[in-house]
Amino acid sequence: MIRFNDLQAVNRKYSHALKQAASEVIDSGWYIRGKHVQEFEEKLADFIGVKHAVGTGNGFDALKLILRAYIEMKTIKEGDEIIVPANTFIASILAITDNRLKPVLVEPDINTYNIDFSRIESCISTRTKAIMVVHLYGRVCWNKKLEALARKYDLKIIEDNAQAAGAQWNNRRTGSLGDAAAFSFYPGKNLGALGDAGAVTTSDNRLASIIRKLGNYGSSEKYIFEHQGVNSRLDEIQAAFLKIKLDDLDDENAYRFKIAETYNKTIIHSEIELPDFSSKLYEKRNNVWHLYVIRSKHRDKLAEFLFSNGIETLIHYPCPPHKQKAFSRFHQSSLPVTEKIHGEVLSLPISSAITMEQAELIADHVNSFCP
C-alpha cells in the first residue's frame, strides 16, 4: 500500500538528529520556553523575513491569538467582521467565531482554490476589520489588488499559512506578506513537528508582545497578569525538532514540486481536472505543494479504485464549513463554487516518502480509471 503520508518514512532521515535533540532536552530539565524555543523562534523569523516569531501550542491557537491580540489592542472589537474564504479548513473560521467575531464567507477561484480576489470588495462593510487569506494546499494567495483593498478600507491582512511554509511571492515568504501570520506544524505539514505545534510571525512589535503574553496566561512576568490569556506555548522538545527540520524545508518543498510535475506531465485523463501548474510556480516558489489536489465528478469511485490498487488518497475536505452542523446559521448560504470543489476534490500522495517511480505508478492508475 502506498500510504497517503507515511510519517515514519518522512522522519526516518532525521531519526538520529531527533533522538539526539530529545535526549538533550530531557537531560536539560527545562521543558517549556527555554533555549530551544527561543532559538527556533529566531530561526523561523529570519527564514520568513520578519522581526518576530512567537511559538504557540498549535496552528489553531496561532490564528486565535492574532485576533485576540487585535481585540486587546482595540483594533478589532467583538462583533466585527472578518473576511475569510468559504472553502478553507474549519479552523480558519473557528478562530474567528471563538473570538466572537463574524466570519464573512467569500467564494474561491475555481482555478486556484484560493479566495477569489474579485469577490472581496463587495463583501466589505463598515464592520469589516480584516481579511484572512488562506494559502490553501500550499499555493500563495496574494496579489496587488488585495494589498490595494487593505489600504483603501484600512483592513488588516492575516495569513493562514498552515499549509504554505516556505512559499514565496515576489521573493517574499508567506508569513511576511500580511500584518501577521499563523503557522501550523502539525506532523503532516511540510514543516512538521512530532506532535502539535504552531507559531505566529509578524513585524509588529506590539502585536508580537501581546501574543506572547496571551499565550502565557496573559503574563510576561511570573504571577503578574496584564491580559486574560490562555495556555498556548510551544514545547521545548518540539522546538528542538523543528529547528532541525527547518534547515531542509526548501529542499523538501522542491522535491514536492518534482512529484507534482510528474503527476501533471503523466496524468492525461479526460475526466480529471488537474491543479493549475506552471514552471513559473516553481521558479517563483509560488506553490510548495502541501497537497496535490485533482477534481473528478466521479471522485468517490476514483478513490475506491485507487485504494483497490494499493494507493491511499484523502479528501481535503469532504464537507464545506457552511454545511457543517457546527455552522447551521450558514446552511442557507449560496456558495456553489465552494460546494463544487468540496464535492469533487481528491488528494493524491505527495511527500518526501513518495518516490518518483511511485508517483508514475499512481499517475498510471489514475489514467486507467474508468468511471
Protein backbone atom coordinates (compact mmCIF):
# COMPACT_ATOMS: atom_id res chain seq x y z
CA MET A 1 0.00 0.00 0.00
CA ILE A 2 1.30 3.44 -0.94
CA ARG A 3 0.25 5.44 2.08
CA PHE A 4 -1.01 8.99 1.65
CA ASN A 5 1.54 10.38 4.10
CA ASP A 6 3.96 7.92 5.69
CA LEU A 7 5.27 9.99 8.59
CA GLN A 8 7.63 7.25 9.73
CA ALA A 9 9.32 7.37 6.34
CA VAL A 10 9.29 11.18 6.26
CA ASN A 11 11.04 11.41 9.63
CA ARG A 12 13.38 8.47 9.18
CA LYS A 13 16.20 10.53 7.72
CA TYR A 14 16.04 12.81 10.77
CA SER A 15 15.89 9.93 13.24
CA HIS A 16 19.38 10.24 14.71
CA ALA A 17 19.24 14.03 14.98
CA LEU A 18 15.75 13.97 16.50
CA LYS A 19 16.72 11.39 19.11
CA GLN A 20 19.81 13.38 19.97
CA ALA A 21 17.73 16.57 20.32
CA ALA A 22 15.16 14.77 22.50
CA SER A 23 17.92 13.47 24.76
CA GLU A 24 19.37 16.96 25.08
CA VAL A 25 16.01 18.42 26.08
CA ILE A 26 15.31 15.61 28.55
CA ASP A 27 18.71 16.00 30.16
CA SER A 28 18.39 19.79 30.35
CA GLY A 29 15.48 19.67 32.81
CA TRP A 30 13.93 22.70 31.06
CA TYR A 31 10.86 21.79 29.01
CA ILE A 32 8.84 24.96 28.36
CA ARG A 33 10.02 28.27 26.87
CA GLY A 34 13.71 27.52 27.09
CA LYS A 35 16.64 27.96 24.74
CA HIS A 36 15.28 25.69 22.01
CA VAL A 37 12.06 27.68 21.71
CA GLN A 38 14.00 30.94 21.62
CA GLU A 39 16.42 29.61 19.02
CA PHE A 40 13.64 28.21 16.83
CA GLU A 41 11.65 31.45 17.04
CA GLU A 42 14.70 33.44 15.97
CA LYS A 43 15.49 30.97 13.19
CA LEU A 44 11.92 30.97 11.90
CA ALA A 45 11.67 34.78 11.97
CA ASP A 46 14.90 35.02 10.00
CA PHE A 47 13.76 32.38 7.49
CA ILE A 48 10.40 34.10 6.92
CA GLY A 49 11.84 37.61 6.92
CA VAL A 50 10.03 39.18 9.85
CA LYS A 51 11.02 40.70 13.18
CA HIS A 52 9.18 38.23 15.39
CA ALA A 53 8.08 34.61 15.60
CA VAL A 54 6.11 33.50 18.66
CA GLY A 55 5.67 29.80 19.33
CA THR A 56 2.19 28.52 20.18
CA GLY A 57 0.63 25.21 21.10
CA ASN A 58 -0.76 24.65 17.59
CA GLY A 59 -1.78 26.47 14.42
CA PHE A 60 -5.37 26.99 15.51
CA ASP A 61 -4.19 28.80 18.64
CA ALA A 62 -1.88 30.92 16.49
CA LEU A 63 -4.85 32.19 14.47
CA LYS A 64 -6.96 32.74 17.57
CA LEU A 65 -4.22 34.65 19.36
CA ILE A 66 -3.67 37.02 16.44
CA LEU A 67 -7.34 38.02 16.50
CA ARG A 68 -7.41 38.11 20.28
CA ALA A 69 -4.38 40.40 20.34
CA TYR A 70 -6.04 42.80 17.91
CA ILE A 71 -9.06 42.87 20.22
CA GLU A 72 -6.78 43.66 23.16
CA MET A 73 -5.23 46.45 21.08
CA LYS A 74 -8.73 47.86 20.31
CA THR A 75 -8.04 47.42 16.60
CA ILE A 76 -10.90 44.94 16.38
CA LYS A 77 -13.88 44.58 18.70
CA GLU A 78 -16.35 41.78 19.32
CA GLY A 79 -18.97 41.61 16.60
CA ASP A 80 -16.69 42.94 13.86
CA GLU A 81 -16.43 41.11 10.56
CA ILE A 82 -13.51 39.13 9.18
CA ILE A 83 -13.49 38.12 5.52
CA VAL A 84 -12.42 34.51 5.03
CA PRO A 85 -12.52 32.02 2.13
CA ALA A 86 -15.56 29.76 2.20
CA ASN A 87 -13.66 26.59 1.26
CA THR A 88 -10.98 26.64 3.95
CA PHE A 89 -10.42 24.12 6.72
CA ILE A 90 -12.84 24.82 9.54
CA ALA A 91 -10.07 26.03 11.90
CA SER A 92 -9.79 29.31 9.96
CA ILE A 93 -13.43 30.07 10.67
CA LEU A 94 -13.44 28.72 14.23
CA ALA A 95 -10.61 31.12 15.09
CA ILE A 96 -12.94 33.96 14.12
CA THR A 97 -16.06 32.75 15.91
CA ASP A 98 -14.08 31.78 19.00
CA ASN A 99 -13.23 35.48 19.37
CA ARG A 100 -16.89 36.45 18.98
CA LEU A 101 -16.24 37.93 15.58
CA LYS A 102 -18.33 37.39 12.46
CA PRO A 103 -16.89 35.38 9.55
CA VAL A 104 -17.90 36.63 6.11
CA LEU A 105 -17.52 33.72 3.69
CA VAL A 106 -16.19 34.53 0.22
CA GLU A 107 -16.16 32.09 -2.70
CA PRO A 108 -12.85 30.74 -4.05
CA ASP A 109 -11.39 30.93 -7.53
CA ILE A 110 -12.14 27.57 -9.16
CA ASN A 111 -8.69 27.53 -10.81
CA THR A 112 -6.52 28.21 -7.73
CA TYR A 113 -8.89 27.16 -4.90
CA ASN A 114 -7.81 30.31 -3.07
CA ILE A 115 -10.14 33.19 -2.26
CA ASP A 116 -11.47 34.95 -5.37
CA PHE A 117 -9.96 38.43 -5.16
CA SER A 118 -12.65 39.85 -7.45
CA ARG A 119 -15.38 38.97 -4.92
CA ILE A 120 -13.83 40.54 -1.83
CA GLU A 121 -14.72 44.21 -2.18
CA SER A 122 -18.47 43.61 -2.49
CA CYS A 123 -18.34 41.79 0.87
CA ILE A 124 -16.66 44.65 2.75
CA SER A 125 -18.87 46.61 5.14
CA THR A 126 -18.33 49.25 7.81
CA ARG A 127 -17.84 46.40 10.30
CA THR A 128 -15.11 44.67 8.29
CA LYS A 129 -11.76 44.88 10.05
CA ALA A 130 -9.60 42.21 8.43
CA ILE A 131 -9.16 39.82 5.53
CA MET A 132 -7.93 36.34 6.40
CA VAL A 133 -6.18 34.83 3.39
CA VAL A 134 -5.51 31.10 3.36
CA HIS A 135 -2.65 29.81 1.23
CA LEU A 136 -4.65 26.67 0.56
CA TYR A 137 -2.91 23.42 -0.41
CA GLY A 138 0.42 25.30 -0.36
CA ARG A 139 -0.31 27.86 -3.10
CA VAL A 140 0.32 31.53 -2.39
CA CYS A 141 -2.86 33.60 -2.07
CA TRP A 142 -1.74 37.15 -2.77
CA ASN A 143 -1.79 39.95 -5.32
CA LYS A 144 -1.59 43.74 -5.66
CA LYS A 145 -5.39 44.06 -5.67
CA LEU A 146 -5.55 42.53 -2.21
CA GLU A 147 -2.97 45.00 -0.92
CA ALA A 148 -4.88 47.89 -2.51
CA LEU A 149 -8.16 46.81 -0.89
CA ALA A 150 -6.50 46.62 2.52
CA ARG A 151 -5.15 50.15 2.12
CA LYS A 152 -8.41 51.53 0.75
CA TYR A 153 -10.55 50.21 3.61
CA ASP A 154 -7.86 50.23 6.34
CA LEU A 155 -8.04 46.47 6.85
CA LYS A 156 -5.58 44.10 8.47
CA ILE A 157 -4.45 41.11 6.41
CA ILE A 158 -4.00 37.91 8.39
CA GLU A 159 -2.34 34.96 6.69
CA ASP A 160 -3.39 31.43 7.48
CA ASN A 161 -0.06 29.95 6.48
CA ALA A 162 -0.69 26.48 7.90
CA GLN A 163 -0.15 24.79 4.53
CA ALA A 164 2.39 27.01 2.77
CA ALA A 165 5.52 27.25 4.92
CA GLY A 166 8.38 28.22 2.61
CA ALA A 167 6.26 29.55 -0.28
CA GLN A 168 7.20 32.88 -1.85
CA TRP A 169 5.55 35.79 -3.64
CA ASN A 170 7.91 38.19 -5.43
CA ASN A 171 10.83 36.85 -3.36
CA ARG A 172 8.99 37.35 -0.07
CA ARG A 173 7.95 34.40 2.06
CA THR A 174 4.38 33.75 3.01
CA GLY A 175 4.16 34.65 6.65
CA SER A 176 5.73 38.04 5.92
CA LEU A 177 3.20 39.35 3.38
CA GLY A 178 0.38 40.41 5.73
CA ASP A 179 0.21 42.07 9.13
CA ALA A 180 0.51 38.72 10.91
CA ALA A 181 0.52 35.05 10.01
CA ALA A 182 -0.34 31.76 11.68
CA PHE A 183 1.71 28.59 11.15
CA SER A 184 0.77 25.01 11.94
CA PHE A 185 3.49 22.42 12.47
CA TYR A 186 1.07 19.50 12.68
CA PRO A 187 3.06 16.34 11.82
CA GLY A 188 1.68 16.10 8.28
CA LYS A 189 2.70 19.63 7.27
CA ASN A 190 5.66 20.39 5.03
CA LEU A 191 7.44 21.53 8.19
CA GLY A 192 6.01 19.06 10.69
CA ALA A 193 6.68 18.55 14.37
CA LEU A 194 6.24 15.21 16.13
CA GLY A 195 3.12 16.46 17.86
CA ASP A 196 1.07 19.65 17.90
CA ALA A 197 2.91 22.95 17.47
CA GLY A 198 2.36 26.35 15.89
CA ALA A 199 3.67 29.89 15.61
CA VAL A 200 2.77 33.47 14.77
CA THR A 201 5.03 35.62 12.61
CA THR A 202 4.82 39.41 12.40
CA SER A 203 6.94 42.54 12.26
CA ASP A 204 4.55 44.42 14.56
CA ASN A 205 6.42 44.78 17.87
CA ARG A 206 3.35 45.46 19.97
CA LEU A 207 1.30 42.68 18.42
CA ALA A 208 4.08 40.15 18.99
CA SER A 209 4.46 41.23 22.62
CA ILE A 210 0.75 40.87 23.34
CA ILE A 211 0.52 37.49 21.59
CA ARG A 212 3.44 36.21 23.64
CA LYS A 213 1.71 37.32 26.85
CA LEU A 214 -1.69 35.97 25.81
CA GLY A 215 -0.21 32.53 25.17
CA ASN A 216 1.28 32.54 28.66
CA TYR A 217 -1.94 33.18 30.62
CA GLY A 218 -1.65 36.90 29.82
CA SER A 219 1.68 37.25 31.62
CA SER A 220 5.22 38.35 30.82
CA GLU A 221 6.30 38.29 34.46
CA LYS A 222 5.59 35.38 36.79
CA TYR A 223 2.28 35.83 38.66
CA ILE A 224 1.68 39.25 37.07
CA PHE A 225 -1.18 39.13 34.54
CA GLU A 226 -1.76 42.01 32.11
CA HIS A 227 -4.37 40.22 30.00
CA GLN A 228 -6.88 37.42 30.37
CA GLY A 229 -4.80 34.92 28.47
CA VAL A 230 -4.67 31.22 27.74
CA ASN A 231 -2.08 28.45 27.91
CA SER A 232 -0.65 28.01 24.41
CA ARG A 233 3.11 27.57 24.40
CA LEU A 234 5.46 25.76 22.07
CA ASP A 235 7.15 22.86 23.86
CA GLU A 236 10.94 22.77 24.06
CA ILE A 237 11.11 19.31 22.53
CA GLN A 238 9.01 20.27 19.51
CA ALA A 239 11.07 23.44 19.02
CA ALA A 240 14.23 21.33 19.09
CA PHE A 241 12.78 19.04 16.42
CA LEU A 242 11.57 21.93 14.25
CA LYS A 243 14.98 23.63 14.35
CA ILE A 244 16.45 20.55 12.72
CA LYS A 245 13.78 20.17 10.05
CA LEU A 246 13.62 23.87 9.12
CA ASP A 247 17.06 23.59 7.53
CA ASP A 248 15.67 21.15 4.94
CA LEU A 249 12.35 22.87 4.24
CA ASP A 250 13.29 24.42 0.88
CA ASP A 251 14.71 21.09 -0.32
CA GLU A 252 11.61 19.23 0.90
CA ASN A 253 9.38 21.70 -0.97
CA ALA A 254 11.48 21.39 -4.12
CA TYR A 255 11.03 17.61 -4.02
CA ARG A 256 7.27 18.03 -3.67
CA PHE A 257 7.35 20.16 -6.80
CA LYS A 258 9.05 17.33 -8.70
CA ILE A 259 6.29 14.93 -7.69
CA ALA A 260 3.63 17.46 -8.70
CA GLU A 261 5.44 17.95 -12.01
CA THR A 262 5.44 14.19 -12.59
CA TYR A 263 1.71 13.99 -11.92
CA ASN A 264 0.96 16.90 -14.23
CA LYS A 265 3.04 15.51 -17.08
CA THR A 266 1.78 11.95 -16.72
CA ILE A 267 -1.93 12.20 -15.85
CA ILE A 268 -3.88 12.70 -19.06
CA HIS A 269 -7.37 11.50 -18.09
CA SER A 270 -10.06 13.46 -19.95
CA GLU A 271 -12.45 13.48 -16.98
CA ILE A 272 -9.97 14.57 -14.33
CA GLU A 273 -9.11 18.20 -13.65
CA LEU A 274 -5.51 18.75 -12.64
CA PRO A 275 -4.32 21.64 -10.47
CA ASP A 276 -3.07 24.77 -12.19
CA PHE A 277 0.59 24.14 -12.96
CA SER A 278 3.30 26.26 -14.49
CA SER A 279 7.07 26.27 -14.43
CA LYS A 280 6.78 29.83 -13.14
CA LEU A 281 5.20 28.46 -9.97
CA TYR A 282 8.45 26.64 -9.31
CA GLU A 283 10.74 29.42 -10.43
CA LYS A 284 8.97 31.86 -8.15
CA ARG A 285 8.24 29.21 -5.48
CA ASN A 286 4.57 30.25 -5.52
CA ASN A 287 3.42 26.77 -4.56
CA VAL A 288 5.02 24.37 -2.08
CA TRP A 289 2.54 21.61 -2.90
CA HIS A 290 1.43 20.71 0.60
CA LEU A 291 -1.33 18.85 -1.22
CA TYR A 292 -1.72 17.75 -4.81
CA VAL A 293 -5.45 18.02 -5.44
CA ILE A 294 -7.30 16.78 -8.51
CA ARG A 295 -11.02 17.05 -9.25
CA SER A 296 -13.41 14.49 -10.65
CA LYS A 297 -17.19 14.21 -10.84
CA HIS A 298 -16.57 10.54 -10.03
CA ARG A 299 -14.34 11.34 -7.05
CA ASP A 300 -15.61 8.62 -4.70
CA LYS A 301 -15.36 5.89 -7.33
CA LEU A 302 -11.87 7.07 -8.23
CA ALA A 303 -10.78 6.95 -4.58
CA GLU A 304 -12.16 3.41 -4.25
CA PHE A 305 -10.45 2.34 -7.48
CA LEU A 306 -7.07 3.70 -6.36
CA PHE A 307 -7.41 2.12 -2.92
CA SER A 308 -8.18 -1.25 -4.53
CA ASN A 309 -4.89 -0.84 -6.38
CA GLY A 310 -2.92 -0.11 -3.22
CA ILE A 311 -2.98 3.69 -3.30
CA GLU A 312 -4.29 5.66 -0.34
CA THR A 313 -5.89 9.06 -1.04
CA LEU A 314 -7.65 11.64 1.12
CA ILE A 315 -10.35 14.26 0.61
CA HIS A 316 -9.50 17.82 1.64
CA TYR A 317 -12.30 18.44 2.53
CA PRO A 318 -15.48 16.37 2.06
CA CYS A 319 -17.92 18.89 3.57
CA PRO A 320 -17.52 22.69 3.39
CA PRO A 321 -17.73 24.71 6.63
CA HIS A 322 -21.07 26.31 5.76
CA LYS A 323 -22.67 22.86 5.53
CA GLN A 324 -21.30 21.63 8.87
CA LYS A 325 -23.68 21.17 11.80
CA ALA A 326 -21.48 23.50 13.86
CA PHE A 327 -22.33 26.37 11.48
CA SER A 328 -26.02 25.83 10.94
CA ARG A 329 -26.55 29.58 10.57
CA PHE A 330 -24.73 29.38 7.23
CA HIS A 331 -26.75 26.46 5.86
CA GLN A 332 -28.82 28.69 3.59
CA SER A 333 -25.76 30.38 2.10
CA SER A 334 -25.40 30.13 -1.66
CA LEU A 335 -21.81 29.10 -2.30
CA PRO A 336 -21.92 26.96 -5.47
CA VAL A 337 -18.19 27.16 -6.30
CA THR A 338 -17.26 26.04 -2.80
CA GLU A 339 -19.73 23.17 -2.93
CA LYS A 340 -18.50 22.06 -6.35
CA ILE A 341 -14.90 21.98 -5.10
CA HIS A 342 -15.72 20.04 -1.95
CA GLY A 343 -17.79 17.54 -3.93
CA GLU A 344 -15.03 16.76 -6.45
CA VAL A 345 -11.57 17.13 -4.86
CA LEU A 346 -9.23 14.24 -4.17
CA SER A 347 -5.69 14.49 -2.82
CA LEU A 348 -3.01 12.18 -4.21
CA PRO A 349 0.03 11.16 -2.13
CA ILE A 350 2.77 13.79 -2.14
CA SER A 351 5.66 13.93 0.32
CA SER A 352 9.33 13.07 0.62
CA ALA A 353 8.23 9.49 1.35
CA ILE A 354 6.93 9.06 -2.22
CA THR A 355 9.45 8.01 -4.86
CA MET A 356 9.28 9.20 -8.45
CA GLU A 357 8.58 5.62 -9.51
CA GLN A 358 5.61 5.52 -7.15
CA ALA A 359 4.38 8.86 -8.48
CA GLU A 360 4.48 7.48 -12.01
CA LEU A 361 2.65 4.35 -10.88
CA ILE A 362 -0.05 6.43 -9.21
CA ALA A 363 -0.45 8.52 -12.36
CA ASP A 364 -0.75 5.38 -14.50
CA HIS A 365 -3.52 4.05 -12.25
CA VAL A 366 -5.36 7.36 -12.43
CA ASN A 367 -5.15 7.22 -16.22
CA SER A 368 -6.58 3.68 -16.25
CA PHE A 369 -9.66 4.67 -14.20
CA CYS A 370 -12.97 4.03 -15.97
CA PRO A 371 -15.97 5.76 -14.33
